Amino acid sequence: MEDDEAFGALSARLDPAMAIVTTMAGGERAGCLIGFHAQCSIDPVRYVVWLSKANHTHRIAMRASAFAVHFLDRDQRSLAELFGTTSGDDLDKFEHCGWDLVPPGVPVLRDCPNRIIGQRSAMLDEGGDHVCLVLGSIRAETLEPFTPMRLADVADLDPGHGAEDRPDPPTERAGRAAEETR
């Protein structure tokens, strides 16, 4: 096996938990399904998420300061499909699910009570296809035990954007909306 193939095979066996990241900037909401995330500090508490540069969420996240990371239960496939297979460039995903805007100005999904809310404390773009966001000032919310949804549970889903996509302008849906009002 080549190194890339071996790395992919090893990573797939780890079967990470899936989550949905949501954020908002300039009045535009965004959210996407992610598998790259982890606690990255104990004191102070920090959590890290990686967002694909191809996603609408990435472009909104570059202007946002607050984020919510929602941990999916294994039976929440419809939310995984909504936030993982559709693009915010074409669809406001929040029109298709229940959500609330909570301090410090971040949309949270009503059906995902196990979540953290945090402020961006650092960002790293080392040139790959994902950007790393470190979240601090963490507030955790957990209302019930859950069985985490894993990558294996959604491996059959086709993403809203491929890793190689880099759409322009920064928010295509916002750009189309502006043109429609002219």
Protein backbone atom coordinates (compact mmCIF):
# COMPACT_ATOMS: atom_id res chain seq x y z
CA MET A 1 0.00 0.00 0.00
CA GLU A 2 1.18 3.52 -0.75
CA ASP A 3 1.47 5.87 2.22
CA ASP A 4 -1.73 7.78 1.28
CA GLU A 5 -3.69 4.54 1.00
CA ALA A 6 -2.33 3.21 4.29
CA PHE A 7 -3.10 6.49 6.03
CA GLY A 8 -6.67 6.45 4.65
CA ALA A 9 -7.19 2.84 5.73
CA LEU A 10 -5.86 3.54 9.22
CA SER A 11 -7.95 6.71 9.60
CA ALA A 12 -11.12 4.90 8.48
CA ARG A 13 -10.58 2.23 11.16
CA LEU A 14 -10.54 4.94 13.85
CA ASP A 15 -14.17 5.74 12.94
CA PRO A 16 -14.40 9.23 14.45
CA ALA A 17 -17.55 10.69 15.96
CA MET A 18 -19.45 13.05 13.68
CA ALA A 19 -20.52 16.55 14.65
CA ILE A 20 -22.15 19.59 13.10
CA VAL A 21 -20.45 22.98 13.40
CA THR A 22 -22.66 26.07 13.15
CA THR A 23 -21.76 29.74 13.06
CA MET A 24 -22.97 33.09 11.80
CA ALA A 25 -21.39 36.27 10.42
CA GLY A 26 -22.92 39.31 8.77
CA GLY A 27 -26.40 37.88 9.31
CA GLU A 28 -25.61 34.74 7.29
CA ARG A 29 -25.90 31.36 9.03
CA ALA A 30 -23.71 28.40 8.13
CA GLY A 31 -23.20 24.85 9.27
CA CYS A 32 -21.57 21.63 8.11
CA LEU A 33 -21.02 18.03 9.12
CA ILE A 34 -17.47 17.36 10.35
CA GLY A 35 -15.41 14.39 11.41
CA PHE A 36 -12.21 16.28 12.29
CA HIS A 37 -12.51 17.64 15.85
CA ALA A 38 -11.11 17.04 19.33
CA GLN A 39 -10.37 18.47 22.75
CA CYS A 40 -6.93 20.05 22.46
CA SER A 41 -6.29 21.54 25.93
CA ILE A 42 -7.34 20.78 29.49
CA ASP A 43 -6.35 24.03 31.18
CA PRO A 44 -7.62 26.23 29.75
CA VAL A 45 -10.27 24.13 28.04
CA ARG A 46 -9.90 24.27 24.26
CA TYR A 47 -11.61 22.39 21.43
CA VAL A 48 -10.42 22.22 17.85
CA VAL A 49 -12.42 21.77 14.64
CA TRP A 50 -11.21 21.54 11.06
CA LEU A 51 -13.39 22.97 8.29
CA SER A 52 -13.06 22.13 4.62
CA LYS A 53 -12.02 25.14 2.55
CA ALA A 54 -14.53 24.00 -0.07
CA ASN A 55 -17.52 24.58 2.21
CA HIS A 56 -19.75 27.60 2.54
CA THR A 57 -19.27 27.22 6.31
CA HIS A 58 -15.54 27.86 5.95
CA ARG A 59 -16.16 31.16 4.19
CA ILE A 60 -18.59 32.32 6.88
CA ALA A 61 -16.30 31.01 9.65
CA MET A 62 -13.46 33.23 8.45
CA ARG A 63 -15.58 36.23 9.51
CA ALA A 64 -17.22 34.65 12.58
CA SER A 65 -16.10 34.64 16.18
CA ALA A 66 -18.56 32.22 17.85
CA PHE A 67 -19.20 28.58 17.00
CA ALA A 68 -21.30 25.67 18.22
CA VAL A 69 -20.19 22.06 17.88
CA HIS A 70 -23.18 19.70 18.03
CA PHE A 71 -22.52 16.03 18.80
CA LEU A 72 -24.86 13.81 16.83
CA ASP A 73 -26.64 10.77 18.18
CA ARG A 74 -26.48 7.69 15.98
CA ASP A 75 -30.20 8.08 15.12
CA GLN A 76 -29.85 11.65 13.77
CA ARG A 77 -29.07 10.69 10.18
CA SER A 78 -31.48 13.26 8.71
CA LEU A 79 -29.48 16.11 10.32
CA ALA A 80 -26.23 14.52 9.10
CA GLU A 81 -27.68 14.38 5.59
CA LEU A 82 -28.91 17.98 5.71
CA PHE A 83 -25.62 19.41 6.96
CA GLY A 84 -23.37 16.95 5.13
CA THR A 85 -24.81 16.53 1.64
CA THR A 86 -26.19 19.98 0.84
CA SER A 87 -24.22 23.15 0.29
CA GLY A 88 -24.95 26.43 2.02
CA ASP A 89 -24.06 28.00 -1.32
CA ASP A 90 -27.40 26.75 -2.63
CA LEU A 91 -29.59 26.27 0.42
CA ASP A 92 -30.15 27.86 3.82
CA LYS A 93 -30.02 24.62 5.82
CA PHE A 94 -31.50 26.33 8.88
CA GLU A 95 -34.82 26.75 7.06
CA HIS A 96 -35.10 22.94 7.20
CA CYS A 97 -34.50 22.32 10.92
CA GLY A 98 -35.25 23.80 14.33
CA TRP A 99 -32.67 26.20 15.68
CA ASP A 100 -32.23 29.13 18.06
CA LEU A 101 -29.80 32.02 18.16
CA VAL A 102 -27.99 32.03 21.51
CA PRO A 103 -25.34 34.25 23.06
CA PRO A 104 -22.74 35.06 21.84
CA GLY A 105 -24.64 35.13 18.53
CA VAL A 106 -24.41 31.55 17.30
CA PRO A 107 -27.17 29.33 15.89
CA VAL A 108 -27.73 26.10 17.83
CA LEU A 109 -29.70 23.09 16.64
CA ARG A 110 -32.66 22.26 18.89
CA ASP A 111 -32.40 18.53 18.19
CA CYS A 112 -28.75 18.37 19.33
CA PRO A 113 -28.68 19.02 23.09
CA ASN A 114 -25.13 17.67 23.47
CA ARG A 115 -22.92 20.51 22.30
CA ILE A 116 -20.24 23.00 23.07
CA ILE A 117 -20.30 26.70 22.30
CA GLY A 118 -17.07 28.62 22.07
CA GLN A 119 -15.21 31.64 20.76
CA ARG A 120 -12.49 31.38 18.15
CA SER A 121 -9.15 31.78 19.92
CA ALA A 122 -6.84 30.76 17.06
CA MET A 123 -6.85 29.70 13.43
CA LEU A 124 -4.29 27.70 11.47
CA ASP A 125 -4.14 27.38 7.70
CA GLU A 126 -1.08 25.29 6.93
CA GLY A 127 -1.96 24.96 3.23
CA GLY A 128 -4.03 21.76 3.23
CA ASP A 129 -7.68 21.45 2.23
CA HIS A 130 -8.94 22.18 5.78
CA VAL A 131 -8.53 25.12 8.17
CA CYS A 132 -8.06 24.51 11.89
CA LEU A 133 -10.10 26.62 14.34
CA VAL A 134 -9.30 26.50 18.04
CA LEU A 135 -12.25 27.35 20.25
CA GLY A 136 -11.89 28.77 23.75
CA SER A 137 -14.26 30.21 26.35
CA ILE A 138 -16.08 26.89 26.11
CA ARG A 139 -19.59 26.37 27.44
CA ALA A 140 -20.69 22.74 27.35
CA GLU A 141 -24.33 21.64 27.32
CA THR A 142 -25.43 18.07 27.75
CA LEU A 143 -28.99 17.02 28.42
CA GLU A 144 -28.98 13.32 27.82
CA PRO A 145 -26.71 10.37 27.19
CA PHE A 146 -26.23 9.51 23.56
CA THR A 147 -24.53 7.03 21.26
CA PRO A 148 -22.28 9.09 18.99
CA MET A 149 -22.84 8.91 15.27
CA ARG A 150 -19.64 7.59 13.67
CA LEU A 151 -18.07 8.06 10.27
CA ALA A 152 -19.09 4.49 9.39
CA ASP A 153 -22.73 5.51 9.93
CA VAL A 154 -22.55 8.17 7.20
CA ALA A 155 -19.76 6.90 4.94
CA ASP A 156 -22.29 6.43 2.12
CA LEU A 157 -23.21 10.15 2.02
CA ASP A 158 -21.91 12.32 -0.81
CA PRO A 159 -20.60 15.69 0.43
CA GLY A 160 -22.14 18.96 -0.75
CA HIS A 161 -18.67 19.97 -2.06
CA GLY A 162 -15.66 17.90 -2.99
CA ALA A 163 -12.37 18.65 -1.19
CA GLU A 164 -11.00 20.22 -4.37
CA ASP A 165 -13.82 22.79 -4.74
CA ARG A 166 -13.00 26.42 -3.98
CA PRO A 167 -16.16 28.40 -4.89
CA ASP A 168 -16.12 32.17 -5.47
CA PRO A 169 -17.35 34.70 -4.45
CA PRO A 170 -16.87 34.07 -0.73
CA THR A 171 -20.56 33.35 -0.24
CA GLU A 172 -22.20 32.31 -3.48
CA ARG A 173 -25.75 32.27 -2.09
CA ALA A 174 -25.28 35.79 -0.72
CA GLY A 175 -23.85 36.90 -4.07
CA ARG A 176 -26.88 35.53 -5.96
CA ALA A 177 -29.27 37.12 -3.48
CA ALA A 178 -27.57 40.50 -3.98
CA GLU A 179 -27.84 40.17 -7.77
CA GLU A 180 -31.54 39.23 -7.53
CA THR A 181 -32.31 42.43 -5.59
CA ARG A 182 -30.70 44.65 -8.25
